Structure formats: structure tokens, C-alpha cells
Amino acid sequence: MQRSRPEYCWIKEHCVETSHGVLHVTVHGAGNVRRPAILTFHDVGMDSKSCFSTLFKFEEMQEIVKNFTVVHVDAPGQEDGAAIYPAGYQYATMDQISDMLPAVLQYFNFRTIIGVGVGAGAYILSKFTLTNPEAVEGLVLINVDTNARGWMDWAAQKLSNLTSSLSDQILSHLFSQVCVSKCFDNQTFMFFFLSYSRRDLNIERNNTFKCPVMLVVGDQAPYEEAAVECNSKLDPTTTSFLKMADAGGMPQLTQPSKLTEAFKYFIQGMGYSNKICKNILQNISILNKCFFFINFYSSNNPGINKAAKSEMFTEQENSI
């Protein structure tokens, strides 16, 4: 008895032990090890579902990622239903979270990844890529800021803490002119938000990413200037910069169609998922089946004339 083929879109959740704690990881796909996994990392105030579901459930995105394994990584304690950390808990730093990612690749036996990060997640993936250049084939960085968080930022944050709630602080980080209603009912968001104290990644033209990079930022978003500055430091021959109008601080939520189109061209430029070539091969296969059908039908029906053969072929061709 022939076994049925497994469905493409299976979903499985894992808890991966690392040197700095446990990471919650959600895997979508059929485990294609011949291609890099698409690994995402979310921003503060969110988890992988709230940050990436809109983009990766977008209809046109399905055509792109169906031949990849998609891996969504949650920062420690940020996943839905996570246990509440006690007061005074020593949360992992940005560098430590970056150092946790090799354990994820090893756990799933991934040789390489295409990283997709937003905000804090973009910083973490940038740090990981600089440390492990051989493990990353491409980077999509949304709202990235690779600069250190200076003492003026620190002082402003302290003053803000005196007058603003945690929800207000996270919203000011995430959004500019985007209306959003989200309930911050998980106090562990605070740990990840407060850990987003960055060290300068020291990216320059002679010390930069070794892989193709796509930078994305919303027009008038909080991190627009930082993204523009980052773009000026990267290799222009391997970097694309996309500033999206009417996207606010969360392009993957507000403009999934535009971001999907950009991502499609990005991975095509890397040599993956060339849709044109794929369609040509599919059409050739269909034409070969048409020729086989006509020849078979003719051999079993000697009385069929040439005009009938031509009409049969034209009907099949028009259906391609």
C-alpha cells in the first residue's frame, strides 16, 4: 500500500536548549535541506506570530516559501503562553541571544539560513551574521539600527520611564503614524524591551556582511534615519534599500504585498525560486504530455485526420 505524501504546510513547535536558556521555535514546511531555511526573529513587544503571520500567510508569499523550511524564533519568554519571569530575573543580552542561534541551526541540521528580522530581531540577526558569515546566505533587515545606544538615548529612556507606561514606550519604538490596538498583557515583554541596549556593530565598507542584504524601512518610521545610515555603510553591489510609503513602523504588517514582491526579487537574485524558469519547465512538461496523448490517440484511432490532431493540440496548448 502506497503511503500518502505528507502535507507541505505542517507546523511543529520545539523548545531548543542553548547555552543561555531555552528558545521557542516554530517550524513550517517540509524540511527541504537542499535550500537554506528562512529564519525570522521578531521585534520587541511582539512574538513571532504577531510579527510575521500577516506576511507569511499572505497568498502570494505562499508561492515563494513553499519550497523552503520557515523557522520562526521567539526571544526567551516572548512566545504565547510563556511562563512569567520573576522580578529581578537576569534576562539575556542582545549578544547572548545572538549566540543562542547556532544551537537552533544545529538542532534542525540547517547548514545555512536566509534571515528575516525586524527591529531588535534585525539587530540580533546582524550580530549573528557578522559572527557566523558562513551560515547566512541572505539578510532581510526591517527597521534595523546597528549603532550603539548612546548615553543620550539612555537618559531619554530613563526620563520616559518616569512618565510613560511600558505599553507607551513600546508603541513609540514600533510605530510612527500607524494606528494599532494591542494588549500588552505579558510582563515578560519588559525584559526583552529593556535588554535592547545595543553595542555598535562597527559595520563599515571593509567590515560588513558577506551576503546579499535587503534593508526595509517605512517612510517616516522611527528607524528611518538609522536604516539610511546603515545602507551607506554596506556594500552597494550586494545591498538593496527599500523605503516603503504608507508603511509606518511595521511594513510587514501594513504592506505585505509590497514586501512580498521585494522578497521575491531578493531570493531570485540569490538564485532561488526562479519562477520564470520554473514555469517554463512546467509548460514543457505539459506539452510533452500533450504530444504523448495525441500520438497515443492517433495510433489507436487510425482514421483521425491531421486537422483534428491540430485542433486537439491547440486546445491543450491554450489551457497552459
C-alpha atoms as a PDB file:
ATOM      1  CA  MET A   1       0.000   0.000   0.000  1.00  0.00           C
ATOM      2  CA  GLN A   2       1.427   3.343  -1.059  1.00  0.00           C
ATOM      3  CA  ARG A   3       1.792   5.853   1.743  1.00  0.00           C
ATOM      4  CA  SER A   4       0.266   9.280   1.228  1.00  0.00           C
ATOM      5  CA  ARG A   5       2.695  12.164   0.836  1.00  0.00           C
ATOM      6  CA  PRO A   6       2.979  14.485   3.861  1.00  0.00           C
ATOM      7  CA  GLU A   7       1.291  17.837   3.518  1.00  0.00           C
ATOM      8  CA  TYR A   8       3.575  20.776   2.794  1.00  0.00           C
ATOM      9  CA  CYS A   9       2.298  23.144   5.430  1.00  0.00           C
ATOM     10  CA  TRP A  10       2.806  21.180   8.610  1.00  0.00           C
ATOM     11  CA  ILE A  11       3.616  23.167  11.727  1.00  0.00           C
ATOM     12  CA  LYS A  12       5.595  21.935  14.685  1.00  0.00           C
ATOM     13  CA  GLU A  13       6.785  23.729  17.815  1.00  0.00           C
ATOM     14  CA  HIS A  14      10.085  22.984  19.532  1.00  0.00           C
ATOM     15  CA  CYS A  15      11.933  24.068  22.665  1.00  0.00           C
ATOM     16  CA  VAL A  16      15.635  24.286  21.863  1.00  0.00           C
ATOM     17  CA  GLU A  17      18.172  24.200  24.676  1.00  0.00           C
ATOM     18  CA  THR A  18      21.033  26.676  24.290  1.00  0.00           C
ATOM     19  CA  SER A  19      23.947  27.881  26.375  1.00  0.00           C
ATOM     20  CA  HIS A  20      21.891  30.871  27.565  1.00  0.00           C
ATOM     21  CA  GLY A  21      18.499  29.259  28.059  1.00  0.00           C
ATOM     22  CA  VAL A  22      15.631  27.798  26.052  1.00  0.00           C
ATOM     23  CA  LEU A  23      14.304  29.183  22.759  1.00  0.00           C
ATOM     24  CA  HIS A  24      10.805  28.531  21.482  1.00  0.00           C
ATOM     25  CA  VAL A  25      10.943  27.733  17.755  1.00  0.00           C
ATOM     26  CA  THR A  26       8.062  27.169  15.323  1.00  0.00           C
ATOM     27  CA  VAL A  27       8.834  25.308  12.096  1.00  0.00           C
ATOM     28  CA  HIS A  28       6.703  25.451   8.942  1.00  0.00           C
ATOM     29  CA  GLY A  29       7.379  23.356   5.879  1.00  0.00           C
ATOM     30  CA  ALA A  30       8.634  20.025   4.660  1.00  0.00           C
ATOM     31  CA  GLY A  31      12.241  20.195   5.817  1.00  0.00           C
ATOM     32  CA  ASN A  32      13.989  20.913   2.496  1.00  0.00           C
ATOM     33  CA  VAL A  33      17.676  20.648   3.424  1.00  0.00           C
ATOM     34  CA  ARG A  34      18.886  21.450  -0.096  1.00  0.00           C
ATOM     35  CA  ARG A  35      17.902  25.086   0.350  1.00  0.00           C
ATOM     36  CA  PRO A  36      18.577  27.478   3.209  1.00  0.00           C
ATOM     37  CA  ALA A  37      15.931  27.759   5.883  1.00  0.00           C
ATOM     38  CA  ILE A  38      14.151  31.099   6.171  1.00  0.00           C
ATOM     39  CA  LEU A  39      14.717  32.084   9.815  1.00  0.00           C
ATOM     40  CA  THR A  40      12.808  35.003  11.323  1.00  0.00           C
ATOM     41  CA  PHE A  41      13.329  36.991  14.502  1.00  0.00           C
ATOM     42  CA  HIS A  42      10.712  39.426  15.807  1.00  0.00           C
ATOM     43  CA  ASP A  43      10.871  42.873  17.388  1.00  0.00           C
ATOM     44  CA  VAL A  44      10.257  43.871  20.996  1.00  0.00           C
ATOM     45  CA  GLY A  45       6.653  43.978  22.203  1.00  0.00           C
ATOM     46  CA  MET A  46       5.746  41.135  19.869  1.00  0.00           C
ATOM     47  CA  ASP A  47       6.194  37.422  19.340  1.00  0.00           C
ATOM     48  CA  SER A  48       6.823  35.573  16.092  1.00  0.00           C
ATOM     49  CA  LYS A  49       3.101  35.147  15.390  1.00  0.00           C
ATOM     50  CA  SER A  50       2.096  38.782  15.827  1.00  0.00           C
ATOM     51  CA  CYS A  51       5.189  39.987  13.957  1.00  0.00           C
ATOM     52  CA  PHE A  52       5.224  37.671  10.928  1.00  0.00           C
ATOM     53  CA  SER A  53       1.869  35.912  10.471  1.00  0.00           C
ATOM     54  CA  THR A  54       0.431  38.637   8.229  1.00  0.00           C
ATOM     55  CA  LEU A  55       3.420  38.454   5.884  1.00  0.00           C
ATOM     56  CA  PHE A  56       3.946  34.702   5.741  1.00  0.00           C
ATOM     57  CA  LYS A  57       0.234  33.911   5.429  1.00  0.00           C
ATOM     58  CA  PHE A  58      -0.089  36.356   2.549  1.00  0.00           C
ATOM     59  CA  GLU A  59      -1.303  34.432  -0.512  1.00  0.00           C
ATOM     60  CA  GLU A  60       1.491  35.424  -2.883  1.00  0.00           C
ATOM     61  CA  MET A  61       4.114  34.652  -0.236  1.00  0.00           C
ATOM     62  CA  GLN A  62       2.968  31.019  -0.254  1.00  0.00           C
ATOM     63  CA  GLU A  63       4.299  30.590  -3.791  1.00  0.00           C
ATOM     64  CA  ILE A  64       7.698  31.829  -2.665  1.00  0.00           C
ATOM     65  CA  VAL A  65       8.224  29.946   0.564  1.00  0.00           C
ATOM     66  CA  LYS A  66       6.540  26.631  -0.250  1.00  0.00           C
ATOM     67  CA  ASN A  67       9.891  25.109  -1.219  1.00  0.00           C
ATOM     68  CA  PHE A  68      11.657  26.400   1.895  1.00  0.00           C
ATOM     69  CA  THR A  69      11.543  25.498   5.550  1.00  0.00           C
ATOM     70  CA  VAL A  70      10.414  28.569   7.527  1.00  0.00           C
ATOM     71  CA  VAL A  71      11.646  28.842  11.115  1.00  0.00           C
ATOM     72  CA  HIS A  72      10.202  31.438  13.496  1.00  0.00           C
ATOM     73  CA  VAL A  73      12.330  32.021  16.599  1.00  0.00           C
ATOM     74  CA  ASP A  74      10.880  33.668  19.699  1.00  0.00           C
ATOM     75  CA  ALA A  75      13.133  35.569  22.059  1.00  0.00           C
ATOM     76  CA  PRO A  76      13.284  33.958  25.520  1.00  0.00           C
ATOM     77  CA  GLY A  77       9.921  34.155  27.258  1.00  0.00           C
ATOM     78  CA  GLN A  78       8.208  36.053  24.438  1.00  0.00           C
ATOM     79  CA  GLU A  79       6.107  33.233  22.963  1.00  0.00           C
ATOM     80  CA  ASP A  80       2.381  32.966  23.615  1.00  0.00           C
ATOM     81  CA  GLY A  81       1.743  31.220  26.920  1.00  0.00           C
ATOM     82  CA  ALA A  82       5.295  31.596  28.224  1.00  0.00           C
ATOM     83  CA  ALA A  83       5.883  31.487  31.957  1.00  0.00           C
ATOM     84  CA  ILE A  84       6.167  34.836  33.741  1.00  0.00           C
ATOM     85  CA  TYR A  85       9.709  35.687  34.820  1.00  0.00           C
ATOM     86  CA  PRO A  86      10.088  36.752  38.461  1.00  0.00           C
ATOM     87  CA  ALA A  87      11.105  40.281  39.389  1.00  0.00           C
ATOM     88  CA  GLY A  88      14.868  40.764  39.181  1.00  0.00           C
ATOM     89  CA  TYR A  89      15.324  37.987  36.645  1.00  0.00           C
ATOM     90  CA  GLN A  90      18.612  38.326  34.720  1.00  0.00           C
ATOM     91  CA  TYR A  91      17.439  38.369  31.128  1.00  0.00           C
ATOM     92  CA  ALA A  92      19.776  37.537  28.242  1.00  0.00           C
ATOM     93  CA  THR A  93      21.553  40.399  26.470  1.00  0.00           C
ATOM     94  CA  MET A  94      21.321  41.020  22.730  1.00  0.00           C
ATOM     95  CA  ASP A  95      24.761  39.424  22.268  1.00  0.00           C
ATOM     96  CA  GLN A  96      23.733  36.366  24.266  1.00  0.00           C
ATOM     97  CA  ILE A  97      20.508  35.920  22.288  1.00  0.00           C
ATOM     98  CA  SER A  98      22.561  36.103  19.082  1.00  0.00           C
ATOM     99  CA  ASP A  99      24.870  33.433  20.495  1.00  0.00           C
ATOM    100  CA  MET A 100      21.852  31.157  21.020  1.00  0.00           C
ATOM    101  CA  LEU A 101      21.077  30.873  17.301  1.00  0.00           C
ATOM    102  CA  PRO A 102      23.840  28.395  16.340  1.00  0.00           C
ATOM    103  CA  ALA A 103      22.143  25.885  18.642  1.00  0.00           C
ATOM    104  CA  VAL A 104      18.942  26.285  16.592  1.00  0.00           C
ATOM    105  CA  LEU A 105      20.757  25.570  13.324  1.00  0.00           C
ATOM    106  CA  GLN A 106      22.472  22.576  14.869  1.00  0.00           C
ATOM    107  CA  TYR A 107      19.219  21.250  16.366  1.00  0.00           C
ATOM    108  CA  PHE A 108      17.488  21.193  12.961  1.00  0.00           C
ATOM    109  CA  ASN A 109      20.640  20.360  10.977  1.00  0.00           C
ATOM    110  CA  PHE A 110      20.413  23.543   8.897  1.00  0.00           C
ATOM    111  CA  ARG A 111      23.601  24.379   7.030  1.00  0.00           C
ATOM    112  CA  THR A 112      22.570  27.916   6.071  1.00  0.00           C
ATOM    113  CA  ILE A 113      19.702  30.369   6.518  1.00  0.00           C
ATOM    114  CA  ILE A 114      18.114  33.429   4.950  1.00  0.00           C
ATOM    115  CA  GLY A 115      17.487  35.721   7.918  1.00  0.00           C
ATOM    116  CA  VAL A 116      14.429  37.981   8.212  1.00  0.00           C
ATOM    117  CA  GLY A 117      14.493  40.277  11.238  1.00  0.00           C
ATOM    118  CA  VAL A 118      12.521  43.271  12.482  1.00  0.00           C
ATOM    119  CA  GLY A 119      13.881  45.910  14.871  1.00  0.00           C
ATOM    120  CA  ALA A 120      15.581  44.090  17.744  1.00  0.00           C
ATOM    121  CA  GLY A 121      15.365  40.902  15.678  1.00  0.00           C
ATOM    122  CA  ALA A 122      17.190  42.615  12.806  1.00  0.00           C
ATOM    123  CA  TYR A 123      19.968  43.645  15.212  1.00  0.00           C
ATOM    124  CA  ILE A 124      20.256  40.095  16.583  1.00  0.00           C
ATOM    125  CA  LEU A 125      20.452  38.562  13.101  1.00  0.00           C
ATOM    126  CA  SER A 126      23.007  41.192  12.059  1.00  0.00           C
ATOM    127  CA  LYS A 127      25.185  40.289  15.022  1.00  0.00           C
ATOM    128  CA  PHE A 128      24.791  36.572  14.263  1.00  0.00           C
ATOM    129  CA  THR A 129      25.730  37.103  10.601  1.00  0.00           C
ATOM    130  CA  LEU A 130      28.898  39.043  11.423  1.00  0.00           C
ATOM    131  CA  THR A 131      29.951  36.271  13.814  1.00  0.00           C
ATOM    132  CA  ASN A 132      28.860  33.365  11.562  1.00  0.00           C
ATOM    133  CA  PRO A 133      29.135  34.618   7.955  1.00  0.00           C
ATOM    134  CA  GLU A 134      29.282  31.105   6.503  1.00  0.00           C
ATOM    135  CA  ALA A 135      25.852  30.272   7.968  1.00  0.00           C
ATOM    136  CA  VAL A 136      23.896  33.114   6.330  1.00  0.00           C
ATOM    137  CA  GLU A 137      23.141  33.307   2.604  1.00  0.00           C
ATOM    138  CA  GLY A 138      20.998  36.426   2.755  1.00  0.00           C
ATOM    139  CA  LEU A 139      19.523  39.006   5.145  1.00  0.00           C
ATOM    140  CA  VAL A 140      16.274  40.969   5.122  1.00  0.00           C
ATOM    141  CA  LEU A 141      16.548  43.636   7.817  1.00  0.00           C
ATOM    142  CA  ILE A 142      13.451  45.678   8.637  1.00  0.00           C
ATOM    143  CA  ASN A 143      13.885  48.779  10.838  1.00  0.00           C
ATOM    144  CA  VAL A 144      17.473  47.901  11.608  1.00  0.00           C
ATOM    145  CA  ASP A 145      19.704  50.067  13.790  1.00  0.00           C
ATOM    146  CA  THR A 146      23.267  48.788  14.005  1.00  0.00           C
ATOM    147  CA  ASN A 147      24.549  51.743  16.033  1.00  0.00           C
ATOM    148  CA  ALA A 148      25.221  51.749  19.746  1.00  0.00           C
ATOM    149  CA  ARG A 149      22.597  53.127  22.028  1.00  0.00           C
ATOM    150  CA  GLY A 150      24.350  56.209  23.401  1.00  0.00           C
ATOM    151  CA  TRP A 151      24.039  57.792  26.826  1.00  0.00           C
ATOM    152  CA  MET A 152      21.641  60.434  25.485  1.00  0.00           C
ATOM    153  CA  ASP A 153      19.294  57.645  24.384  1.00  0.00           C
ATOM    154  CA  TRP A 154      19.742  56.031  27.789  1.00  0.00           C
ATOM    155  CA  ALA A 155      18.914  59.289  29.607  1.00  0.00           C
ATOM    156  CA  ALA A 156      15.875  59.883  27.412  1.00  0.00           C
ATOM    157  CA  GLN A 157      14.710  56.348  28.148  1.00  0.00           C
ATOM    158  CA  LYS A 158      15.072  56.896  31.889  1.00  0.00           C
ATOM    159  CA  LEU A 159      13.035  60.110  31.718  1.00  0.00           C
ATOM    160  CA  SER A 160      10.453  58.371  29.591  1.00  0.00           C
ATOM    161  CA  ASN A 161      10.177  55.619  32.191  1.00  0.00           C
ATOM    162  CA  LEU A 162       9.091  58.195  34.760  1.00  0.00           C
ATOM    163  CA  THR A 163       6.162  59.458  32.715  1.00  0.00           C
ATOM    164  CA  SER A 164       5.203  56.642  30.325  1.00  0.00           C
ATOM    165  CA  SER A 165       3.823  53.173  30.721  1.00  0.00           C
ATOM    166  CA  LEU A 166       5.628  50.201  29.211  1.00  0.00           C
ATOM    167  CA  SER A 167       2.953  49.959  26.530  1.00  0.00           C
ATOM    168  CA  ASP A 168       3.513  53.605  25.515  1.00  0.00           C
ATOM    169  CA  GLN A 169       7.282  53.080  25.349  1.00  0.00           C
ATOM    170  CA  ILE A 170       6.986  50.021  23.122  1.00  0.00           C
ATOM    171  CA  LEU A 171       4.452  51.724  20.875  1.00  0.00           C
ATOM    172  CA  SER A 172       6.775  54.719  20.445  1.00  0.00           C
ATOM    173  CA  HIS A 173       9.513  52.270  19.442  1.00  0.00           C
ATOM    174  CA  LEU A 174       7.361  50.372  16.963  1.00  0.00           C
ATOM    175  CA  PHE A 175       5.129  52.942  15.329  1.00  0.00           C
ATOM    176  CA  SER A 176       5.069  56.418  13.884  1.00  0.00           C
ATOM    177  CA  GLN A 177       1.788  57.085  12.052  1.00  0.00           C
ATOM    178  CA  VAL A 178       0.228  53.647  12.317  1.00  0.00           C
ATOM    179  CA  CYS A 179      -2.895  53.095  14.365  1.00  0.00           C
ATOM    180  CA  VAL A 180      -2.751  49.919  16.401  1.00  0.00           C
ATOM    181  CA  SER A 181      -4.573  48.358  19.296  1.00  0.00           C
ATOM    182  CA  LYS A 182      -2.625  45.688  21.140  1.00  0.00           C
ATOM    183  CA  CYS A 183      -2.933  44.497  24.684  1.00  0.00           C
ATOM    184  CA  PHE A 184       0.398  44.136  26.450  1.00  0.00           C
ATOM    185  CA  ASP A 185      -0.814  41.562  28.927  1.00  0.00           C
ATOM    186  CA  ASN A 186       2.521  39.769  29.307  1.00  0.00           C
ATOM    187  CA  GLN A 187       5.011  41.497  31.568  1.00  0.00           C
ATOM    188  CA  THR A 188       7.867  39.403  30.125  1.00  0.00           C
ATOM    189  CA  PHE A 189       7.748  41.782  27.156  1.00  0.00           C
ATOM    190  CA  MET A 190       9.511  44.219  29.504  1.00  0.00           C
ATOM    191  CA  PHE A 191      12.604  42.032  29.824  1.00  0.00           C
ATOM    192  CA  PHE A 192      13.185  41.822  26.073  1.00  0.00           C
ATOM    193  CA  PHE A 193      12.433  45.517  25.605  1.00  0.00           C
ATOM    194  CA  LEU A 194      14.847  46.619  28.335  1.00  0.00           C
ATOM    195  CA  SER A 195      17.551  44.249  27.053  1.00  0.00           C
ATOM    196  CA  TYR A 196      17.517  46.072  23.700  1.00  0.00           C
ATOM    197  CA  SER A 197      20.597  48.021  24.767  1.00  0.00           C
ATOM    198  CA  ARG A 198      22.794  47.881  21.712  1.00  0.00           C
ATOM    199  CA  ARG A 199      26.514  47.858  21.187  1.00  0.00           C
ATOM    200  CA  ASP A 200      27.764  49.312  17.916  1.00  0.00           C
ATOM    201  CA  LEU A 201      28.263  46.527  15.376  1.00  0.00           C
ATOM    202  CA  ASN A 202      31.078  48.563  13.778  1.00  0.00           C
ATOM    203  CA  ILE A 203      29.834  47.946  10.271  1.00  0.00           C
ATOM    204  CA  GLU A 204      31.921  49.670   7.597  1.00  0.00           C
ATOM    205  CA  ARG A 205      32.628  49.018   3.918  1.00  0.00           C
ATOM    206  CA  ASN A 206      35.669  46.912   4.852  1.00  0.00           C
ATOM    207  CA  ASN A 207      33.861  45.175   7.729  1.00  0.00           C
ATOM    208  CA  THR A 208      30.417  44.286   6.526  1.00  0.00           C
ATOM    209  CA  PHE A 209      28.105  41.418   5.681  1.00  0.00           C
ATOM    210  CA  LYS A 210      29.421  38.822   3.246  1.00  0.00           C
ATOM    211  CA  CYS A 211      25.943  38.014   1.900  1.00  0.00           C
ATOM    212  CA  PRO A 212      23.244  39.899  -0.048  1.00  0.00           C
ATOM    213  CA  VAL A 213      21.220  42.256   2.163  1.00  0.00           C
ATOM    214  CA  MET A 214      17.838  43.928   1.715  1.00  0.00           C
ATOM    215  CA  LEU A 215      17.135  46.854   4.053  1.00  0.00           C
ATOM    216  CA  VAL A 216      13.495  47.805   4.560  1.00  0.00           C
ATOM    217  CA  VAL A 217      12.049  50.747   6.457  1.00  0.00           C
ATOM    218  CA  GLY A 218       8.752  52.597   6.445  1.00  0.00           C
ATOM    219  CA  ASP A 219       8.644  56.206   5.309  1.00  0.00           C
ATOM    220  CA  GLN A 220       8.776  58.476   8.398  1.00  0.00           C
ATOM    221  CA  ALA A 221       9.221  55.430  10.646  1.00  0.00           C
ATOM    222  CA  PRO A 222      11.195  55.814  13.895  1.00  0.00           C
ATOM    223  CA  TYR A 223      14.207  53.977  12.444  1.00  0.00           C
ATOM    224  CA  GLU A 224      14.281  55.635   9.016  1.00  0.00           C
ATOM    225  CA  GLU A 225      17.485  57.614   9.655  1.00  0.00           C
ATOM    226  CA  ALA A 226      19.242  54.597  11.206  1.00  0.00           C
ATOM    227  CA  ALA A 227      18.346  52.433   8.209  1.00  0.00           C
ATOM    228  CA  VAL A 228      19.589  55.065   5.772  1.00  0.00           C
ATOM    229  CA  GLU A 229      22.864  55.317   7.702  1.00  0.00           C
ATOM    230  CA  CYS A 230      23.242  51.528   7.724  1.00  0.00           C
ATOM    231  CA  ASN A 231      22.694  51.463   3.960  1.00  0.00           C
ATOM    232  CA  SER A 232      25.534  53.967   3.488  1.00  0.00           C
ATOM    233  CA  LYS A 233      27.928  51.601   5.279  1.00  0.00           C
ATOM    234  CA  LEU A 234      27.128  48.451   3.300  1.00  0.00           C
ATOM    235  CA  ASP A 235      28.488  47.187   0.004  1.00  0.00           C
ATOM    236  CA  PRO A 236      26.261  48.789  -2.670  1.00  0.00           C
ATOM    237  CA  THR A 237      26.819  45.860  -5.050  1.00  0.00           C
ATOM    238  CA  THR A 238      25.148  43.409  -2.663  1.00  0.00           C
ATOM    239  CA  THR A 239      22.693  45.697  -0.861  1.00  0.00           C
ATOM    240  CA  SER A 240      19.206  46.843  -1.829  1.00  0.00           C
ATOM    241  CA  PHE A 241      17.343  49.538   0.082  1.00  0.00           C
ATOM    242  CA  LEU A 242      13.562  49.784   0.177  1.00  0.00           C
ATOM    243  CA  LYS A 243      11.801  52.728   1.817  1.00  0.00           C
ATOM    244  CA  MET A 244       8.093  51.990   1.788  1.00  0.00           C
ATOM    245  CA  ALA A 245       5.477  54.728   1.688  1.00  0.00           C
ATOM    246  CA  ASP A 246       2.441  54.476   3.973  1.00  0.00           C
ATOM    247  CA  ALA A 247       4.051  51.636   5.907  1.00  0.00           C
ATOM    248  CA  GLY A 248       4.673  53.269   9.277  1.00  0.00           C
ATOM    249  CA  GLY A 249       6.878  51.335  11.661  1.00  0.00           C
ATOM    250  CA  MET A 250       5.732  47.849  10.664  1.00  0.00           C
ATOM    251  CA  PRO A 251       5.995  47.277   6.886  1.00  0.00           C
ATOM    252  CA  GLN A 252       5.460  43.518   7.220  1.00  0.00           C
ATOM    253  CA  LEU A 253       2.027  44.201   8.730  1.00  0.00           C
ATOM    254  CA  THR A 254       0.886  47.249   6.777  1.00  0.00           C
ATOM    255  CA  GLN A 255       2.359  46.494   3.333  1.00  0.00           C
ATOM    256  CA  PRO A 256       2.664  42.693   2.992  1.00  0.00           C
ATOM    257  CA  SER A 257       2.030  42.836  -0.767  1.00  0.00           C
ATOM    258  CA  LYS A 258       4.912  45.220  -1.481  1.00  0.00           C
ATOM    259  CA  LEU A 259       7.242  43.412   0.888  1.00  0.00           C
ATOM    260  CA  THR A 260       6.361  40.054  -0.675  1.00  0.00           C
ATOM    261  CA  GLU A 261       7.201  41.397  -4.138  1.00  0.00           C
ATOM    262  CA  ALA A 262      10.538  42.751  -2.897  1.00  0.00           C
ATOM    263  CA  PHE A 263      11.342  39.476  -1.147  1.00  0.00           C
ATOM    264  CA  LYS A 264      10.549  37.546  -4.321  1.00  0.00           C
ATOM    265  CA  TYR A 265      13.104  39.510  -6.331  1.00  0.00           C
ATOM    266  CA  PHE A 266      15.602  39.294  -3.482  1.00  0.00           C
ATOM    267  CA  ILE A 267      15.652  35.487  -3.368  1.00  0.00           C
ATOM    268  CA  GLN A 268      15.540  35.268  -7.159  1.00  0.00           C
ATOM    269  CA  GLY A 269      18.704  37.366  -7.185  1.00  0.00           C
ATOM    270  CA  MET A 270      20.233  34.773  -4.881  1.00  0.00           C
ATOM    271  CA  GLY A 271      19.417  32.060  -7.415  1.00  0.00           C
ATOM    272  CA  TYR A 272      16.414  30.559  -5.619  1.00  0.00           C
ATOM    273  CA  SER A 273      12.807  30.185  -6.700  1.00  0.00           C
ATOM    274  CA  ASN A 274      13.226  31.488 -10.245  1.00  0.00           C
ATOM    275  CA  LYS A 275       9.556  31.496 -11.117  1.00  0.00           C
ATOM    276  CA  ILE A 276      10.052  32.151 -14.823  1.00  0.00           C
ATOM    277  CA  CYS A 277      12.322  29.162 -15.311  1.00  0.00           C
ATOM    278  CA  LYS A 278      10.039  27.065 -13.158  1.00  0.00           C
ATOM    279  CA  ASN A 279       7.002  27.940 -15.269  1.00  0.00           C
ATOM    280  CA  ILE A 280       8.921  27.176 -18.462  1.00  0.00           C
ATOM    281  CA  LEU A 281       9.823  23.718 -17.172  1.00  0.00           C
ATOM    282  CA  GLN A 282       6.210  23.121 -16.140  1.00  0.00           C
ATOM    283  CA  ASN A 283       4.958  24.168 -19.588  1.00  0.00           C
ATOM    284  CA  ILE A 284       7.479  21.912 -21.323  1.00  0.00           C
ATOM    285  CA  SER A 285       6.250  19.015 -19.207  1.00  0.00           C
ATOM    286  CA  ILE A 286       2.628  19.757 -20.121  1.00  0.00           C
ATOM    287  CA  LEU A 287       3.494  19.997 -23.847  1.00  0.00           C
ATOM    288  CA  ASN A 288       5.277  16.654 -23.726  1.00  0.00           C
ATOM    289  CA  LYS A 289       2.171  15.118 -22.189  1.00  0.00           C
ATOM    290  CA  CYS A 290       0.083  16.662 -24.988  1.00  0.00           C
ATOM    291  CA  PHE A 291       2.306  15.123 -27.681  1.00  0.00           C
ATOM    292  CA  PHE A 292       2.129  11.747 -25.944  1.00  0.00           C
ATOM    293  CA  PHE A 293      -1.667  11.975 -25.730  1.00  0.00           C
ATOM    294  CA  ILE A 294      -2.015  12.872 -29.427  1.00  0.00           C
ATOM    295  CA  ASN A 295       0.342  10.140 -30.592  1.00  0.00           C
ATOM    296  CA  PHE A 296      -1.349   7.551 -28.398  1.00  0.00           C
ATOM    297  CA  TYR A 297      -4.823   8.601 -29.553  1.00  0.00           C
ATOM    298  CA  SER A 298      -3.747   8.559 -33.216  1.00  0.00           C
ATOM    299  CA  SER A 299      -2.191   5.082 -33.001  1.00  0.00           C
ATOM    300  CA  ASN A 300      -5.432   3.734 -31.567  1.00  0.00           C
ATOM    301  CA  ASN A 301      -7.629   5.687 -33.982  1.00  0.00           C
ATOM    302  CA  PRO A 302      -6.114   5.435 -37.486  1.00  0.00           C
ATOM    303  CA  GLY A 303      -8.967   7.382 -39.002  1.00  0.00           C
ATOM    304  CA  ILE A 304      -8.171  10.614 -37.209  1.00  0.00           C
ATOM    305  CA  ASN A 305      -7.153  13.357 -39.674  1.00  0.00           C
ATOM    306  CA  LYS A 306      -4.441  15.979 -39.392  1.00  0.00           C
ATOM    307  CA  ALA A 307      -6.899  18.809 -38.799  1.00  0.00           C
ATOM    308  CA  ALA A 308      -8.358  17.005 -35.814  1.00  0.00           C
ATOM    309  CA  LYS A 309      -4.859  16.433 -34.417  1.00  0.00           C
ATOM    310  CA  SER A 310      -4.039  20.120 -34.807  1.00  0.00           C
ATOM    311  CA  GLU A 311      -7.285  21.155 -33.102  1.00  0.00           C
ATOM    312  CA  MET A 312      -6.620  18.810 -30.167  1.00  0.00           C
ATOM    313  CA  PHE A 313      -3.116  20.199 -29.698  1.00  0.00           C
ATOM    314  CA  THR A 314      -4.295  23.833 -29.885  1.00  0.00           C
ATOM    315  CA  GLU A 315      -6.918  23.235 -27.186  1.00  0.00           C
ATOM    316  CA  GLN A 316      -4.333  21.665 -24.903  1.00  0.00           C
ATOM    317  CA  GLU A 317      -1.816  24.445 -25.581  1.00  0.00           C
ATOM    318  CA  ASN A 318      -4.342  27.164 -24.777  1.00  0.00           C
ATOM    319  CA  SER A 319      -5.009  25.561 -21.420  1.00  0.00           C
ATOM    320  CA  ILE A 320      -1.363  26.015 -20.323  1.00  0.00           C
END
